[in-house]
Amino acid sequence: MMTGLTILIDPTMRLRLACFGLLLLGLGFQPVFSQDSKNGSSSETDGEEVEELVDQLDASSRKQRIEAQQLLLKMGPDILPSLPDGRGMSIEASGRLEKLREMLVKAKARQAVLQRRTAVRLDDIETLDDALTAISFDSGIEFQYDGDRSVAVPPVGAPLSVWHAIDYVLDSTNLDVDPYGGMSGALALVQRQHGRPSRVDSAAYTGVYRLEPTLISSRRSLKDKSLSELHVNMEIAWPPNLTPIGLTIPVAELAAVTSDGEELRPQSNGQTIDIATSPSVPQSEFYLPFDLPPAGTPELKSVSGVIEALLPGKSENFELELGSPGSSQSIDAMTVTLESVRRRDGLVEVRLAVDLKNADRSLESHRHWIFENEVHIVDQAKQQSNYFSFEVFRQGPTGVGVAYLFDLPADLKNYRLIYRSPVAVARDKASFLLGNVPLP
């Protein structure tokens, strides 16, 4: 029996890995050759091609400059480390280079998001253990479950979205998700409470999200009809390894139609419905406000809308020497600067500036994610020290300044600060449609 988060790769999974490798080749992904290869490394060849095309951004012909920029864009985000900083180039060439870098960073963030939307295949499973392993392999989501993993789960021939696959497996084994019980990046599974309806039949799936109506409440004002309203309480879940940087639902995009064909207008004082997100709990609750339908209306035939979000791209480690205040490191769209290191009340205060190009509201109304990034200090022996507290000393639309307090010795030589963060964000938009929602 498999327990905890251990994932075993059986012969079937090895075959899947091999097929995945062949698929990558078929999609145009090329293997990386060693430095000792007879024909030289592919990275060297790419680097030379990038250098030649960058030089052409300064070409005398406008057509040649545009073509060079387009060719560089087609090469994709992998060329980002090979792009120069633009110093010494003409104003037009450095401008084209900066625009190119911006587009590639956005493409990289979007690529990271799409990779985590992989469809899940459950065509060769027999048990709960097989099913959870397959979902983990395809999506990166891990599971915490201490129960019997040998329970039978029927295979499914067609690929499913991640949440549809999870719900199918949980329906087949009478399990449910405990949103408050899992570790970071994992879903905790528990026995289902009596009366819990089918998760598949209750949910709608769109993008990386799972939506489920949980409560319908209505209020009828006898003195002022405009105060009468219907609330559709909803639960939205996302993969625990892909916490959105804020979720919003535009009120203008909301629509509801009763079983009698009557359209209900959304009621709201604002332009959007904002939904709080947290990496510690992979779901949130909110409600959709509508006009109250006529008495006796049995159900809502449909409820539809749009979910808008900023999703984090790939996370990277920034490493800065404590003995070098003023030093900085840039990866993709993010730059982390060690502003100062000083003693304060017997502790060491480390001030960091974090800047993100093209932040797109991720450091304005949805900046909470930046304060949840992993931050620690390691010494020469790789012993880790965590901070006691932090305070924000600067905020702006594209950056924040955060002071962290550590308990460290007097000599900070060979101490390094490790800051881990998504290095870009991608705008995400997904439409949802719920059907046959019963009314009270």
Protein backbone atom coordinates (compact mmCIF):
# COMPACT_ATOMS: atom_id res chain seq x y z
CA MET A 1 0.00 0.00 0.00
CA MET A 2 1.24 3.47 -0.80
CA THR A 3 1.05 6.09 1.98
CA GLY A 4 1.84 9.77 2.33
CA LEU A 5 3.05 11.52 -0.80
CA THR A 6 5.18 8.72 -2.22
CA ILE A 7 4.64 8.09 -5.93
CA LEU A 8 5.77 4.81 -7.43
CA ILE A 9 6.28 4.50 -11.18
CA ASP A 10 5.16 1.08 -12.35
CA PRO A 11 5.89 -0.44 -15.81
CA THR A 12 2.74 1.17 -17.22
CA MET A 13 3.89 4.56 -16.03
CA ARG A 14 7.34 4.00 -17.50
CA LEU A 15 5.65 3.32 -20.82
CA ARG A 16 3.71 6.56 -20.41
CA LEU A 17 6.96 8.42 -19.75
CA ALA A 18 8.49 6.94 -22.90
CA CYS A 19 5.45 7.92 -24.94
CA PHE A 20 5.64 11.40 -23.47
CA GLY A 21 9.22 11.67 -24.68
CA LEU A 22 8.19 10.63 -28.18
CA LEU A 23 5.36 13.17 -28.05
CA LEU A 24 7.80 15.96 -27.20
CA LEU A 25 9.94 15.02 -30.19
CA GLY A 26 6.87 15.01 -32.39
CA LEU A 27 6.00 18.51 -31.19
CA GLY A 28 9.38 19.82 -32.22
CA PHE A 29 11.25 19.68 -28.89
CA GLN A 30 14.86 18.80 -29.61
CA PRO A 31 17.26 17.01 -27.27
CA VAL A 32 20.14 18.99 -25.79
CA PHE A 33 23.53 17.69 -26.90
CA SER A 34 26.59 17.71 -24.67
CA GLN A 35 29.49 20.11 -25.08
CA ASP A 36 31.55 17.23 -26.43
CA SER A 37 29.17 16.57 -29.29
CA LYS A 38 30.85 16.40 -32.64
CA ASN A 39 28.69 19.18 -34.06
CA GLY A 40 28.76 21.38 -30.93
CA SER A 41 25.95 22.05 -28.49
CA SER A 42 22.52 23.16 -29.65
CA SER A 43 22.57 25.91 -27.00
CA GLU A 44 25.74 27.35 -28.57
CA THR A 45 24.08 27.30 -32.00
CA ASP A 46 20.96 28.99 -30.62
CA GLY A 47 23.12 31.57 -28.86
CA GLU A 48 24.93 32.44 -32.08
CA GLU A 49 21.63 32.74 -33.98
CA VAL A 50 20.17 34.96 -31.25
CA GLU A 51 23.26 37.18 -31.34
CA GLU A 52 23.05 37.56 -35.12
CA LEU A 53 19.34 38.43 -35.01
CA VAL A 54 19.84 40.91 -32.16
CA ASP A 55 22.49 42.64 -34.28
CA GLN A 56 19.92 42.92 -37.07
CA LEU A 57 17.63 44.93 -34.76
CA ASP A 58 20.04 47.77 -35.61
CA ALA A 59 19.99 47.07 -39.36
CA SER A 60 19.59 49.99 -41.77
CA SER A 61 16.55 48.36 -43.40
CA ARG A 62 13.29 48.66 -41.43
CA LYS A 63 12.02 45.44 -43.02
CA GLN A 64 15.13 43.60 -41.82
CA ARG A 65 14.69 44.97 -38.29
CA ILE A 66 11.05 43.83 -38.13
CA GLU A 67 11.89 40.39 -39.52
CA ALA A 68 14.67 39.95 -36.96
CA GLN A 69 12.31 40.83 -34.12
CA GLN A 70 9.68 38.39 -35.41
CA LEU A 71 12.21 35.58 -35.78
CA LEU A 72 13.43 36.12 -32.23
CA LEU A 73 9.85 36.03 -30.97
CA LYS A 74 9.23 32.73 -32.79
CA MET A 75 12.25 31.18 -31.03
CA GLY A 76 10.28 31.40 -27.79
CA PRO A 77 10.98 32.12 -24.11
CA ASP A 78 14.05 29.84 -23.97
CA ILE A 79 16.17 32.59 -25.55
CA LEU A 80 15.56 35.03 -22.67
CA PRO A 81 18.90 34.29 -20.94
CA SER A 82 20.72 34.95 -24.24
CA LEU A 83 19.25 38.42 -24.80
CA PRO A 84 21.60 41.35 -24.04
CA ASP A 85 20.63 44.24 -21.76
CA GLY A 86 20.46 46.71 -24.65
CA ARG A 87 23.30 48.99 -23.56
CA GLY A 88 25.22 50.43 -26.50
CA MET A 89 22.34 49.84 -28.91
CA SER A 90 20.38 52.52 -30.73
CA ILE A 91 17.16 53.83 -29.16
CA GLU A 92 15.00 51.95 -31.68
CA ALA A 93 16.94 48.68 -31.29
CA SER A 94 16.89 48.81 -27.48
CA GLY A 95 13.16 49.61 -27.63
CA ARG A 96 12.51 46.62 -29.88
CA LEU A 97 14.62 44.45 -27.57
CA GLU A 98 12.69 45.60 -24.49
CA LYS A 99 9.35 44.94 -26.21
CA LEU A 100 10.58 41.53 -27.31
CA ARG A 101 11.66 40.67 -23.77
CA GLU A 102 8.27 41.75 -22.41
CA MET A 103 6.40 39.55 -24.92
CA LEU A 104 8.63 36.54 -24.24
CA VAL A 105 8.23 36.87 -20.46
CA LYS A 106 4.44 36.94 -20.86
CA ALA A 107 4.62 33.92 -23.17
CA LYS A 108 6.73 32.06 -20.61
CA ALA A 109 4.25 32.79 -17.82
CA ARG A 110 1.35 31.73 -20.01
CA GLN A 111 3.25 28.57 -20.99
CA ALA A 112 3.72 27.66 -17.33
CA VAL A 113 0.00 28.11 -16.71
CA LEU A 114 -1.04 26.02 -19.71
CA GLN A 115 1.31 23.20 -18.70
CA ARG A 116 -0.66 22.89 -15.47
CA ARG A 117 -3.93 22.51 -17.38
CA THR A 118 -2.93 19.11 -18.72
CA ALA A 119 -5.73 16.66 -19.34
CA VAL A 120 -5.64 13.58 -17.14
CA ARG A 121 -5.85 10.05 -18.51
CA LEU A 122 -7.41 7.34 -16.36
CA ASP A 123 -7.63 4.66 -19.06
CA ASP A 124 -5.27 2.12 -17.47
CA ILE A 125 -6.14 2.39 -13.77
CA GLU A 126 -7.57 -0.31 -11.52
CA THR A 127 -7.34 1.09 -7.98
CA LEU A 128 -7.47 4.38 -6.08
CA ASP A 129 -3.68 4.18 -5.83
CA ASP A 130 -3.41 3.96 -9.63
CA ALA A 131 -5.82 6.87 -10.10
CA LEU A 132 -4.11 9.24 -7.66
CA THR A 133 -0.72 8.37 -9.15
CA ALA A 134 -1.99 9.10 -12.67
CA ILE A 135 -3.49 12.45 -11.62
CA SER A 136 -0.28 13.41 -9.81
CA PHE A 137 1.80 12.44 -12.83
CA ASP A 138 -0.29 14.47 -15.28
CA SER A 139 -1.06 17.53 -13.14
CA GLY A 140 1.59 17.79 -10.42
CA ILE A 141 -1.10 17.72 -7.71
CA GLU A 142 -0.27 15.53 -4.73
CA PHE A 143 -2.70 13.87 -2.33
CA GLN A 144 -2.77 13.16 1.38
CA TYR A 145 -4.78 10.06 2.25
CA ASP A 146 -4.11 7.47 4.94
CA GLY A 147 -6.96 5.13 4.01
CA ASP A 148 -7.11 2.05 1.83
CA ARG A 149 -5.69 2.84 -1.60
CA SER A 150 -6.51 -0.59 -3.05
CA VAL A 151 -10.20 0.31 -3.53
CA ALA A 152 -11.27 -0.39 -7.12
CA VAL A 153 -11.79 2.55 -9.51
CA PRO A 154 -13.16 1.82 -13.01
CA PRO A 155 -10.98 3.18 -15.86
CA VAL A 156 -12.17 5.98 -18.14
CA GLY A 157 -11.44 5.87 -21.87
CA ALA A 158 -11.49 9.59 -22.64
CA PRO A 159 -9.13 12.20 -21.13
CA LEU A 160 -10.66 14.41 -18.42
CA SER A 161 -9.87 17.86 -17.09
CA VAL A 162 -7.97 17.80 -13.80
CA TRP A 163 -10.92 18.61 -11.54
CA HIS A 164 -13.27 16.32 -13.47
CA ALA A 165 -10.77 13.47 -13.00
CA ILE A 166 -10.44 14.18 -9.27
CA ASP A 167 -14.22 14.33 -8.81
CA TYR A 168 -14.74 11.11 -10.76
CA VAL A 169 -12.24 9.26 -8.57
CA LEU A 170 -13.72 10.69 -5.34
CA ASP A 171 -17.26 9.77 -6.42
CA SER A 172 -16.06 6.23 -7.21
CA THR A 173 -14.49 5.80 -3.74
CA ASN A 174 -16.97 7.78 -1.59
CA LEU A 175 -14.31 10.34 -0.67
CA ASP A 176 -14.23 14.12 -0.49
CA VAL A 177 -11.71 16.97 -0.25
CA ASP A 178 -10.86 18.59 3.07
CA PRO A 179 -9.75 22.07 1.90
CA TYR A 180 -8.26 22.90 5.31
CA GLY A 181 -6.31 19.69 5.89
CA GLY A 182 -3.73 19.50 3.10
CA MET A 183 -0.12 20.59 3.08
CA SER A 184 1.10 23.15 0.57
CA GLY A 185 0.56 21.87 -2.97
CA ALA A 186 -1.49 18.85 -1.83
CA LEU A 187 -5.16 17.93 -1.44
CA ALA A 188 -6.28 16.14 1.72
CA LEU A 189 -8.83 13.39 1.09
CA VAL A 190 -11.39 12.30 3.71
CA GLN A 191 -14.41 10.04 3.92
CA ARG A 192 -17.52 11.64 2.44
CA GLN A 193 -20.26 12.86 4.77
CA HIS A 194 -23.65 11.21 4.50
CA GLY A 195 -25.92 12.98 2.04
CA ARG A 196 -23.13 14.61 0.05
CA PRO A 197 -24.30 14.56 -3.60
CA SER A 198 -22.10 13.50 -6.52
CA ARG A 199 -19.20 15.93 -6.99
CA VAL A 200 -19.28 15.46 -10.77
CA ASP A 201 -23.02 16.17 -11.02
CA SER A 202 -22.76 19.20 -8.74
CA ALA A 203 -19.85 20.97 -10.40
CA ALA A 204 -18.94 23.00 -13.46
CA TYR A 205 -15.39 22.94 -14.82
CA THR A 206 -13.67 25.77 -16.65
CA GLY A 207 -9.97 26.45 -17.09
CA VAL A 208 -8.18 25.46 -13.87
CA TYR A 209 -11.32 26.07 -11.79
CA ARG A 210 -14.09 24.00 -10.26
CA LEU A 211 -17.36 25.77 -9.38
CA GLU A 212 -20.20 24.40 -7.30
CA PRO A 213 -23.37 26.14 -6.04
CA THR A 214 -23.71 25.51 -2.30
CA LEU A 215 -26.63 27.61 -1.05
CA ILE A 216 -29.57 29.49 -2.53
CA SER A 217 -31.18 32.24 -0.47
CA SER A 218 -33.92 34.70 -1.37
CA ARG A 219 -35.31 37.81 0.26
CA ARG A 220 -38.58 39.54 -0.63
CA SER A 221 -39.16 43.11 0.50
CA LEU A 222 -42.86 43.93 0.82
CA LYS A 223 -42.27 47.71 0.95
CA ASP A 224 -39.56 48.16 -1.70
CA LYS A 225 -39.36 45.63 -4.51
CA SER A 226 -35.86 46.86 -5.45
CA LEU A 227 -34.59 45.38 -2.17
CA SER A 228 -35.81 41.89 -3.11
CA GLU A 229 -32.96 39.67 -4.29
CA LEU A 230 -31.69 36.15 -4.91
CA HIS A 231 -28.22 35.03 -3.79
CA VAL A 232 -26.52 32.05 -5.42
CA ASN A 233 -23.73 31.09 -3.04
CA MET A 234 -20.80 29.49 -4.84
CA GLU A 235 -17.62 27.62 -4.05
CA ILE A 236 -14.66 27.97 -6.40
CA ALA A 237 -11.61 25.70 -6.20
CA TRP A 238 -8.28 25.71 -8.01
CA PRO A 239 -5.33 23.29 -8.07
CA PRO A 240 -3.31 23.65 -4.84
CA ASN A 241 -0.14 24.10 -6.93
CA LEU A 242 -1.65 27.03 -8.88
CA THR A 243 -3.10 29.65 -6.52
CA PRO A 244 -4.54 32.58 -8.50
CA ILE A 245 -3.32 36.09 -7.74
CA GLY A 246 -6.80 37.39 -7.12
CA LEU A 247 -10.07 36.42 -8.81
CA THR A 248 -12.77 38.75 -10.10
CA ILE A 249 -16.11 38.24 -11.81
CA PRO A 250 -17.34 41.18 -13.94
CA VAL A 251 -20.94 41.91 -12.94
CA ALA A 252 -21.80 42.94 -16.52
CA GLU A 253 -20.93 39.41 -17.71
CA LEU A 254 -23.31 37.68 -15.26
CA ALA A 255 -26.56 36.16 -16.53
CA ALA A 256 -29.24 33.87 -15.14
CA VAL A 257 -32.26 32.36 -16.87
CA THR A 258 -35.14 30.70 -15.05
CA SER A 259 -36.81 27.47 -16.12
CA ASP A 260 -39.63 29.66 -17.51
CA GLY A 261 -37.17 31.51 -19.76
CA GLU A 262 -37.12 34.75 -17.74
CA GLU A 263 -33.76 36.53 -17.62
CA LEU A 264 -32.66 37.79 -14.20
CA ARG A 265 -30.52 40.91 -13.92
CA PRO A 266 -27.45 40.83 -11.67
CA GLN A 267 -27.60 43.10 -8.62
CA SER A 268 -24.40 44.69 -7.38
CA ASN A 269 -23.11 48.10 -6.33
CA GLY A 270 -19.73 47.49 -7.95
CA GLN A 271 -18.42 46.56 -11.37
CA THR A 272 -16.80 43.32 -10.19
CA ILE A 273 -17.22 40.65 -7.55
CA ASP A 274 -13.79 40.17 -5.93
CA ILE A 275 -12.89 36.73 -4.58
CA ALA A 276 -10.15 36.28 -1.98
CA THR A 277 -7.51 33.60 -2.62
CA SER A 278 -4.90 31.99 -0.38
CA PRO A 279 -2.24 29.32 -1.01
CA SER A 280 -3.12 27.66 2.31
CA VAL A 281 -6.74 26.91 1.30
CA PRO A 282 -7.28 25.97 -2.38
CA GLN A 283 -10.84 27.27 -2.58
CA SER A 284 -12.98 30.28 -1.73
CA GLU A 285 -16.65 31.19 -1.34
CA PHE A 286 -18.68 34.04 -2.79
CA TYR A 287 -22.21 34.75 -3.95
CA LEU A 288 -23.85 35.94 -7.16
CA PRO A 289 -26.67 38.49 -6.61
CA PHE A 290 -29.69 38.49 -8.95
CA ASP A 291 -33.17 39.93 -9.12
CA LEU A 292 -35.70 37.80 -7.27
CA PRO A 293 -37.65 35.56 -9.69
CA PRO A 294 -41.43 35.18 -9.46
CA ALA A 295 -42.74 33.04 -6.62
CA GLY A 296 -42.98 29.37 -7.51
CA THR A 297 -40.12 29.36 -10.01
CA PRO A 298 -38.65 25.84 -9.58
CA GLU A 299 -35.06 26.38 -10.79
CA LEU A 300 -32.54 28.43 -12.68
CA LYS A 301 -32.06 26.86 -16.07
CA SER A 302 -28.63 28.44 -16.36
CA VAL A 303 -26.19 30.70 -14.52
CA SER A 304 -23.26 32.00 -16.52
CA GLY A 305 -20.39 34.43 -16.20
CA VAL A 306 -16.68 34.99 -16.64
CA ILE A 307 -13.80 34.49 -14.21
CA GLU A 308 -10.84 36.83 -14.62
CA ALA A 309 -7.56 36.24 -12.80
CA LEU A 310 -3.84 36.72 -12.79
CA LEU A 311 -2.08 33.36 -12.53
CA PRO A 312 1.52 32.96 -11.35
CA GLY A 313 4.15 31.68 -13.74
CA LYS A 314 7.08 29.47 -12.83
CA SER A 315 8.72 30.09 -9.43
CA GLU A 316 12.46 30.72 -9.24
CA ASN A 317 15.03 31.19 -6.46
CA PHE A 318 16.80 34.53 -6.04
CA GLU A 319 20.07 34.29 -4.09
CA LEU A 320 21.77 37.38 -2.64
CA GLU A 321 24.85 37.62 -0.40
CA LEU A 322 24.07 39.41 2.90
CA GLY A 323 27.52 40.96 2.78
CA SER A 324 26.67 42.81 -0.45
CA PRO A 325 23.90 45.36 0.23
CA GLY A 326 22.78 47.04 -2.96
CA SER A 327 23.18 43.90 -5.04
CA SER A 328 20.26 42.66 -7.13
CA GLN A 329 19.22 39.74 -9.30
CA SER A 330 16.77 39.72 -12.19
CA ILE A 331 14.91 36.72 -13.58
CA ASP A 332 12.39 37.24 -16.36
CA ALA A 333 10.09 40.10 -15.26
CA MET A 334 11.15 40.23 -11.60
CA THR A 335 14.08 41.99 -9.94
CA VAL A 336 14.96 41.48 -6.26
CA THR A 337 17.33 43.99 -4.64
CA LEU A 338 19.01 43.71 -1.24
CA GLU A 339 18.63 47.33 -0.12
CA SER A 340 20.20 47.12 3.34
CA VAL A 341 21.24 44.82 6.20
CA ARG A 342 21.34 46.33 9.70
CA ARG A 343 21.01 45.54 13.39
CA ARG A 344 17.69 46.36 15.02
CA ASP A 345 16.68 45.51 18.61
CA GLY A 346 19.10 42.59 18.77
CA LEU A 347 17.91 41.18 15.46
CA VAL A 348 19.04 41.62 11.85
CA GLU A 349 16.75 43.60 9.58
CA VAL A 350 17.02 42.69 5.90
CA ARG A 351 15.33 45.13 3.53
CA LEU A 352 14.31 43.82 0.12
CA ALA A 353 12.89 45.63 -2.88
CA VAL A 354 10.84 43.46 -5.22
CA ASP A 355 9.95 44.89 -8.63
CA LEU A 356 7.84 43.26 -11.32
CA LYS A 357 7.61 44.58 -14.87
CA ASN A 358 4.11 44.58 -16.35
CA ALA A 359 2.66 43.77 -12.92
CA ASP A 360 -0.92 44.20 -14.24
CA ARG A 361 -2.60 44.88 -10.84
CA SER A 362 -0.75 41.95 -9.22
CA LEU A 363 1.03 44.43 -6.93
CA GLU A 364 -1.96 46.71 -6.47
CA SER A 365 -5.28 45.27 -5.33
CA HIS A 366 -3.94 41.67 -5.39
CA ARG A 367 -0.52 42.15 -3.79
CA HIS A 368 -1.03 39.70 -0.90
CA TRP A 369 0.76 36.92 -2.83
CA ILE A 370 4.07 38.76 -2.69
CA PHE A 371 4.01 38.64 1.14
CA GLU A 372 3.47 34.87 1.11
CA ASN A 373 6.63 34.12 -0.89
CA GLU A 374 9.23 31.89 0.74
CA VAL A 375 12.12 33.86 2.34
CA HIS A 376 14.98 32.43 4.41
CA ILE A 377 18.72 32.72 5.01
CA VAL A 378 21.32 29.95 4.77
CA ASP A 379 24.86 29.85 6.14
CA GLN A 380 27.93 28.17 4.70
CA ALA A 381 26.83 24.84 6.18
CA LYS A 382 23.41 25.32 4.50
CA GLN A 383 21.67 25.70 7.85
CA GLN A 384 18.43 27.57 7.32
CA SER A 385 17.13 30.54 9.36
CA ASN A 386 13.55 31.73 8.96
CA TYR A 387 12.34 35.27 9.64
CA PHE A 388 10.39 36.21 12.77
CA SER A 389 8.26 38.94 11.24
CA PHE A 390 8.12 41.37 8.35
CA GLU A 391 6.80 44.84 7.65
CA VAL A 392 6.10 46.68 4.41
CA PHE A 393 7.95 49.98 4.10
CA ARG A 394 7.09 50.82 0.48
CA GLN A 395 4.29 49.98 -1.95
CA GLY A 396 3.76 50.89 -5.57
CA PRO A 397 2.03 49.63 -8.73
CA THR A 398 5.14 47.72 -9.89
CA GLY A 399 7.04 47.01 -6.70
CA VAL A 400 7.12 46.68 -2.92
CA GLY A 401 9.72 47.09 -0.19
CA VAL A 402 9.65 44.54 2.64
CA ALA A 403 11.79 44.42 5.81
CA TYR A 404 12.37 40.96 7.31
CA LEU A 405 13.69 40.36 10.86
CA PHE A 406 16.09 37.45 11.47
CA ASP A 407 17.99 36.21 14.54
CA LEU A 408 21.56 35.94 13.17
CA PRO A 409 25.11 36.06 14.56
CA ALA A 410 27.34 39.14 14.38
CA ASP A 411 29.45 37.86 11.51
CA LEU A 412 27.27 37.59 8.40
CA LYS A 413 30.07 36.49 6.09
CA ASN A 414 29.02 33.63 3.78
CA TYR A 415 25.34 34.09 4.61
CA ARG A 416 22.94 34.12 1.66
CA LEU A 417 19.32 35.20 1.43
CA ILE A 418 17.04 32.93 -0.59
CA TYR A 419 13.88 34.49 -1.98
CA ARG A 420 11.52 32.25 -3.96
CA SER A 421 8.78 33.76 -6.10
CA PRO A 422 6.87 33.45 -9.36
CA VAL A 423 8.85 35.60 -11.80
CA ALA A 424 5.94 36.61 -14.03
CA VAL A 425 2.16 36.65 -14.07
CA ALA A 426 -0.28 35.75 -16.83
CA ARG A 427 -3.78 37.12 -17.31
CA ASP A 428 -6.39 34.36 -17.40
CA LYS A 429 -10.04 34.45 -18.45
CA ALA A 430 -12.51 31.56 -18.35
CA SER A 431 -16.26 31.42 -18.96
CA PHE A 432 -18.47 29.26 -16.76
CA LEU A 433 -21.97 27.83 -17.13
CA LEU A 434 -24.06 26.15 -14.43
CA GLY A 435 -27.31 24.41 -15.27
CA ASN A 436 -30.48 23.35 -13.41
CA VAL A 437 -29.88 25.10 -10.09
CA PRO A 438 -32.92 24.37 -7.84
CA LEU A 439 -34.58 27.34 -6.13
CA PRO A 440 -36.10 27.44 -2.62
